[in-house]
Amino acid sequence: MTPPRKRPPLTADERTQLLGWLDMQRSIVRWKCEGVSDDDAHRPVLPASPNMTMAGVVSHLRWVENLWFEVILLDAPADGPQFDEEVEDADMKVDGVPLGQLLSDYEEQWRLSNEIVARHSLDDVGKNTRFPVGKASLRWIVLHMIEETARHAGHLDAIRELLDGGKGYY
């Protein structure tokens, strides 16, 4: 279920505010994809960034949450496409994968990510020793995911406008 596109309460506790902002950005991503055909979702509109498609961005966001919440924080195996050192932007190469499937996978990932956040203190640090950022606190990770998701929601806003003229903030 997609969270509503609304800001968290002005006086909520830190965890509620952090997840509220992250969920709002995730919902904006979902909203930007509404009504986009699979053909358009896979159509590049930025000449210098052929993998920066609606579908590619959604896939990237799914895998970046996997990286930060599962691999960095929990030290789960690093086995997603983002770890393919042979293929640049491998997590964005999703030709033939329907946008609906990518959105479903992303929503499942954010549900799992929110469950991970709920089980840990914001002061907990990552267990991963493979990456230099492996000792980031959960607070830092959530803040980074807000930044990452908001930045890509902006990309989706521009891509959507170039595809069909659709625009709007939230």
C-alpha atoms as a PDB file:
ATOM      1  CA  MET A   1       0.000   0.000   0.000  1.00  0.00           C
ATOM      2  CA  THR A   2       1.383   3.370  -1.027  1.00  0.00           C
ATOM      3  CA  PRO A   3       1.636   5.829   1.875  1.00  0.00           C
ATOM      4  CA  PRO A   4      -0.171   9.148   1.416  1.00  0.00           C
ATOM      5  CA  ARG A   5       1.687  12.073  -0.105  1.00  0.00           C
ATOM      6  CA  LYS A   6       1.621  14.227   2.999  1.00  0.00           C
ATOM      7  CA  ARG A   7       4.233  15.621   5.294  1.00  0.00           C
ATOM      8  CA  PRO A   8       4.707  14.107   8.744  1.00  0.00           C
ATOM      9  CA  PRO A   9       3.269  15.922  11.779  1.00  0.00           C
ATOM     10  CA  LEU A  10       5.180  19.075  12.709  1.00  0.00           C
ATOM     11  CA  THR A  11       5.766  17.961  16.294  1.00  0.00           C
ATOM     12  CA  ALA A  12       6.123  14.184  15.916  1.00  0.00           C
ATOM     13  CA  ASP A  13       9.047  12.298  17.414  1.00  0.00           C
ATOM     14  CA  GLU A  14      12.238  11.935  15.383  1.00  0.00           C
ATOM     15  CA  ARG A  15      11.557   8.422  14.053  1.00  0.00           C
ATOM     16  CA  THR A  16       8.036   9.356  12.932  1.00  0.00           C
ATOM     17  CA  GLN A  17       9.325  12.450  11.172  1.00  0.00           C
ATOM     18  CA  LEU A  18      12.201  10.656   9.456  1.00  0.00           C
ATOM     19  CA  LEU A  19      10.066   7.786   8.177  1.00  0.00           C
ATOM     20  CA  GLY A  20       7.253  10.206   7.363  1.00  0.00           C
ATOM     21  CA  TRP A  21       9.516  12.232   5.075  1.00  0.00           C
ATOM     22  CA  LEU A  22      10.950   9.090   3.485  1.00  0.00           C
ATOM     23  CA  ASP A  23       7.496   7.593   2.930  1.00  0.00           C
ATOM     24  CA  MET A  24       6.282  10.842   1.385  1.00  0.00           C
ATOM     25  CA  GLN A  25       9.166  10.846  -1.099  1.00  0.00           C
ATOM     26  CA  ARG A  26       8.514   7.186  -1.927  1.00  0.00           C
ATOM     27  CA  SER A  27       4.868   8.046  -2.554  1.00  0.00           C
ATOM     28  CA  ILE A  28       5.891  10.864  -4.862  1.00  0.00           C
ATOM     29  CA  VAL A  29       7.974   8.351  -6.841  1.00  0.00           C
ATOM     30  CA  ARG A  30       4.925   6.086  -7.123  1.00  0.00           C
ATOM     31  CA  TRP A  31       2.707   9.012  -8.121  1.00  0.00           C
ATOM     32  CA  LYS A  32       5.120  10.185 -10.830  1.00  0.00           C
ATOM     33  CA  CYS A  33       4.782   6.738 -12.437  1.00  0.00           C
ATOM     34  CA  GLU A  34       0.970   6.635 -12.448  1.00  0.00           C
ATOM     35  CA  GLY A  35      -0.446   6.256 -15.926  1.00  0.00           C
ATOM     36  CA  VAL A  36       2.937   5.825 -17.632  1.00  0.00           C
ATOM     37  CA  SER A  37       2.960   3.055 -20.227  1.00  0.00           C
ATOM     38  CA  ASP A  38       5.662   0.401 -20.164  1.00  0.00           C
ATOM     39  CA  ASP A  39       7.023   1.765 -23.448  1.00  0.00           C
ATOM     40  CA  ASP A  40       7.315   5.274 -22.006  1.00  0.00           C
ATOM     41  CA  ALA A  41       8.684   3.964 -18.699  1.00  0.00           C
ATOM     42  CA  HIS A  42      11.621   2.474 -20.601  1.00  0.00           C
ATOM     43  CA  ARG A  43      12.086   5.355 -23.046  1.00  0.00           C
ATOM     44  CA  PRO A  44      15.224   7.452 -22.423  1.00  0.00           C
ATOM     45  CA  VAL A  45      14.642  11.195 -22.680  1.00  0.00           C
ATOM     46  CA  LEU A  46      17.998  12.458 -21.403  1.00  0.00           C
ATOM     47  CA  PRO A  47      20.575  12.026 -24.194  1.00  0.00           C
ATOM     48  CA  ALA A  48      23.614  11.799 -21.907  1.00  0.00           C
ATOM     49  CA  SER A  49      21.882   9.413 -19.459  1.00  0.00           C
ATOM     50  CA  PRO A  50      20.236   6.584 -21.426  1.00  0.00           C
ATOM     51  CA  ASN A  51      19.613   4.474 -18.312  1.00  0.00           C
ATOM     52  CA  MET A  52      17.852   7.328 -16.503  1.00  0.00           C
ATOM     53  CA  THR A  53      14.352   6.190 -17.420  1.00  0.00           C
ATOM     54  CA  MET A  54      11.258   5.992 -15.240  1.00  0.00           C
ATOM     55  CA  ALA A  55      11.781   2.233 -14.991  1.00  0.00           C
ATOM     56  CA  GLY A  56      15.526   2.558 -14.371  1.00  0.00           C
ATOM     57  CA  VAL A  57      15.078   5.070 -11.552  1.00  0.00           C
ATOM     58  CA  VAL A  58      12.443   2.943  -9.808  1.00  0.00           C
ATOM     59  CA  SER A  59      14.721  -0.096 -10.003  1.00  0.00           C
ATOM     60  CA  HIS A  60      17.675   1.927  -8.727  1.00  0.00           C
ATOM     61  CA  LEU A  61      15.672   3.179  -5.751  1.00  0.00           C
ATOM     62  CA  ARG A  62      14.663  -0.370  -4.866  1.00  0.00           C
ATOM     63  CA  TRP A  63      18.241  -1.598  -4.959  1.00  0.00           C
ATOM     64  CA  VAL A  64      19.709   1.394  -3.133  1.00  0.00           C
ATOM     65  CA  GLU A  65      17.336   0.698  -0.226  1.00  0.00           C
ATOM     66  CA  ASN A  66      18.502  -2.909  -0.288  1.00  0.00           C
ATOM     67  CA  LEU A  67      22.103  -1.711  -0.163  1.00  0.00           C
ATOM     68  CA  TRP A  68      21.706   0.664   2.762  1.00  0.00           C
ATOM     69  CA  PHE A  69      19.197  -1.094   4.996  1.00  0.00           C
ATOM     70  CA  GLU A  70      20.129  -4.706   4.356  1.00  0.00           C
ATOM     71  CA  VAL A  71      23.752  -4.802   3.184  1.00  0.00           C
ATOM     72  CA  ILE A  72      25.221  -1.853   5.104  1.00  0.00           C
ATOM     73  CA  LEU A  73      23.121  -1.960   8.274  1.00  0.00           C
ATOM     74  CA  LEU A  74      22.516  -5.701   8.629  1.00  0.00           C
ATOM     75  CA  ASP A  75      25.524  -7.049   6.675  1.00  0.00           C
ATOM     76  CA  ALA A  76      23.321  -9.130   4.376  1.00  0.00           C
ATOM     77  CA  PRO A  77      25.009 -10.553   1.260  1.00  0.00           C
ATOM     78  CA  ALA A  78      25.814  -7.968  -1.404  1.00  0.00           C
ATOM     79  CA  ASP A  79      24.195  -9.752  -4.326  1.00  0.00           C
ATOM     80  CA  GLY A  80      21.936  -7.226  -6.104  1.00  0.00           C
ATOM     81  CA  PRO A  81      22.636  -5.837  -9.573  1.00  0.00           C
ATOM     82  CA  GLN A  82      24.207  -2.706  -8.070  1.00  0.00           C
ATOM     83  CA  PHE A  83      27.215  -4.869  -7.192  1.00  0.00           C
ATOM     84  CA  ASP A  84      27.866  -5.958 -10.787  1.00  0.00           C
ATOM     85  CA  GLU A  85      31.251  -4.336 -11.339  1.00  0.00           C
ATOM     86  CA  GLU A  86      31.242  -5.378 -15.005  1.00  0.00           C
ATOM     87  CA  VAL A  87      28.097  -3.416 -15.947  1.00  0.00           C
ATOM     88  CA  GLU A  88      27.766   0.304 -15.265  1.00  0.00           C
ATOM     89  CA  ASP A  89      24.360   1.226 -13.814  1.00  0.00           C
ATOM     90  CA  ALA A  90      23.339  -2.443 -13.786  1.00  0.00           C
ATOM     91  CA  ASP A  91      20.527  -1.708 -11.327  1.00  0.00           C
ATOM     92  CA  MET A  92      18.991   0.680 -13.872  1.00  0.00           C
ATOM     93  CA  LYS A  93      19.100  -1.735 -16.808  1.00  0.00           C
ATOM     94  CA  VAL A  94      15.618  -3.207 -16.725  1.00  0.00           C
ATOM     95  CA  ASP A  95      14.592  -3.612 -20.368  1.00  0.00           C
ATOM     96  CA  GLY A  96      11.543  -5.815 -20.639  1.00  0.00           C
ATOM     97  CA  VAL A  97      10.591  -5.580 -16.958  1.00  0.00           C
ATOM     98  CA  PRO A  98       7.114  -4.040 -16.659  1.00  0.00           C
ATOM     99  CA  LEU A  99       6.905  -0.820 -14.668  1.00  0.00           C
ATOM    100  CA  GLY A 100       4.184  -2.368 -12.506  1.00  0.00           C
ATOM    101  CA  GLN A 101       6.566  -5.147 -11.471  1.00  0.00           C
ATOM    102  CA  LEU A 102       9.341  -2.664 -10.698  1.00  0.00           C
ATOM    103  CA  LEU A 103       6.968  -0.583  -8.570  1.00  0.00           C
ATOM    104  CA  SER A 104       5.747  -3.687  -6.757  1.00  0.00           C
ATOM    105  CA  ASP A 105       9.338  -4.745  -6.043  1.00  0.00           C
ATOM    106  CA  TYR A 106      10.161  -1.227  -4.825  1.00  0.00           C
ATOM    107  CA  GLU A 107       7.129  -1.144  -2.536  1.00  0.00           C
ATOM    108  CA  GLU A 108       8.041  -4.549  -1.112  1.00  0.00           C
ATOM    109  CA  GLN A 109      11.572  -3.265  -0.478  1.00  0.00           C
ATOM    110  CA  TRP A 110      10.358  -0.141   1.310  1.00  0.00           C
ATOM    111  CA  ARG A 111       8.032  -2.267   3.463  1.00  0.00           C
ATOM    112  CA  LEU A 112      11.025  -4.414   4.410  1.00  0.00           C
ATOM    113  CA  SER A 113      13.184  -1.317   4.960  1.00  0.00           C
ATOM    114  CA  ASN A 114      10.560   0.182   7.284  1.00  0.00           C
ATOM    115  CA  GLU A 115      10.418  -3.091   9.243  1.00  0.00           C
ATOM    116  CA  ILE A 116      14.204  -2.978   9.644  1.00  0.00           C
ATOM    117  CA  VAL A 117      14.043   0.624  10.875  1.00  0.00           C
ATOM    118  CA  ALA A 118      11.291  -0.300  13.348  1.00  0.00           C
ATOM    119  CA  ARG A 119      13.455  -3.051  14.868  1.00  0.00           C
ATOM    120  CA  HIS A 120      16.538  -0.892  15.436  1.00  0.00           C
ATOM    121  CA  SER A 121      17.605   2.184  17.323  1.00  0.00           C
ATOM    122  CA  LEU A 122      18.434   5.211  15.186  1.00  0.00           C
ATOM    123  CA  ASP A 123      21.809   5.120  16.945  1.00  0.00           C
ATOM    124  CA  ASP A 124      22.594   1.558  15.764  1.00  0.00           C
ATOM    125  CA  VAL A 125      25.495   1.425  13.339  1.00  0.00           C
ATOM    126  CA  GLY A 126      26.005  -0.746  10.307  1.00  0.00           C
ATOM    127  CA  LYS A 127      27.604  -4.155  10.642  1.00  0.00           C
ATOM    128  CA  ASN A 128      29.162  -4.207   7.178  1.00  0.00           C
ATOM    129  CA  THR A 129      32.959  -4.100   7.020  1.00  0.00           C
ATOM    130  CA  ARG A 130      33.324  -4.356   3.229  1.00  0.00           C
ATOM    131  CA  PHE A 131      32.408  -0.739   2.504  1.00  0.00           C
ATOM    132  CA  PRO A 132      33.856   2.428   4.113  1.00  0.00           C
ATOM    133  CA  VAL A 133      30.306   3.597   4.925  1.00  0.00           C
ATOM    134  CA  GLY A 134      29.623   0.352   6.775  1.00  0.00           C
ATOM    135  CA  LYS A 135      29.632   2.073  10.156  1.00  0.00           C
ATOM    136  CA  ALA A 136      26.964   4.643   9.312  1.00  0.00           C
ATOM    137  CA  SER A 137      24.250   5.009  11.940  1.00  0.00           C
ATOM    138  CA  LEU A 138      20.687   4.088  11.064  1.00  0.00           C
ATOM    139  CA  ARG A 139      19.802   7.779  11.527  1.00  0.00           C
ATOM    140  CA  TRP A 140      22.398   8.692   8.875  1.00  0.00           C
ATOM    141  CA  ILE A 141      21.092   5.960   6.567  1.00  0.00           C
ATOM    142  CA  VAL A 142      17.479   7.144   6.840  1.00  0.00           C
ATOM    143  CA  LEU A 143      18.531  10.760   6.227  1.00  0.00           C
ATOM    144  CA  HIS A 144      20.571   9.650   3.230  1.00  0.00           C
ATOM    145  CA  MET A 145      17.610   7.683   1.866  1.00  0.00           C
ATOM    146  CA  ILE A 146      15.399  10.782   2.184  1.00  0.00           C
ATOM    147  CA  GLU A 147      17.996  12.725   0.179  1.00  0.00           C
ATOM    148  CA  GLU A 148      18.462   9.948  -2.389  1.00  0.00           C
ATOM    149  CA  THR A 149      14.748   9.370  -2.887  1.00  0.00           C
ATOM    150  CA  ALA A 150      13.916  13.084  -3.090  1.00  0.00           C
ATOM    151  CA  ARG A 151      16.689  13.670  -5.634  1.00  0.00           C
ATOM    152  CA  HIS A 152      15.404  10.870  -7.840  1.00  0.00           C
ATOM    153  CA  ALA A 153      11.791  11.983  -7.379  1.00  0.00           C
ATOM    154  CA  GLY A 154      12.991  15.239  -8.933  1.00  0.00           C
ATOM    155  CA  HIS A 155      14.535  13.289 -11.798  1.00  0.00           C
ATOM    156  CA  LEU A 156      11.234  11.469 -12.289  1.00  0.00           C
ATOM    157  CA  ASP A 157       9.408  14.796 -12.288  1.00  0.00           C
ATOM    158  CA  ALA A 158      11.605  16.062 -15.145  1.00  0.00           C
ATOM    159  CA  ILE A 159      11.439  12.742 -17.020  1.00  0.00           C
ATOM    160  CA  ARG A 160       7.649  12.659 -16.729  1.00  0.00           C
ATOM    161  CA  GLU A 161       7.355  16.201 -18.040  1.00  0.00           C
ATOM    162  CA  LEU A 162       9.570  15.314 -21.017  1.00  0.00           C
ATOM    163  CA  LEU A 163       7.547  12.155 -21.691  1.00  0.00           C
ATOM    164  CA  ASP A 164       4.017  13.527 -21.620  1.00  0.00           C
ATOM    165  CA  GLY A 165       3.944  16.966 -20.025  1.00  0.00           C
ATOM    166  CA  GLY A 166       2.815  15.630 -16.625  1.00  0.00           C
ATOM    167  CA  LYS A 167       4.026  17.695 -13.710  1.00  0.00           C
ATOM    168  CA  GLY A 168       3.247  18.605 -10.131  1.00  0.00           C
ATOM    169  CA  TYR A 169       4.956  18.603  -6.765  1.00  0.00           C
ATOM    170  CA  TYR A 170       2.857  16.466  -4.468  1.00  0.00           C
END
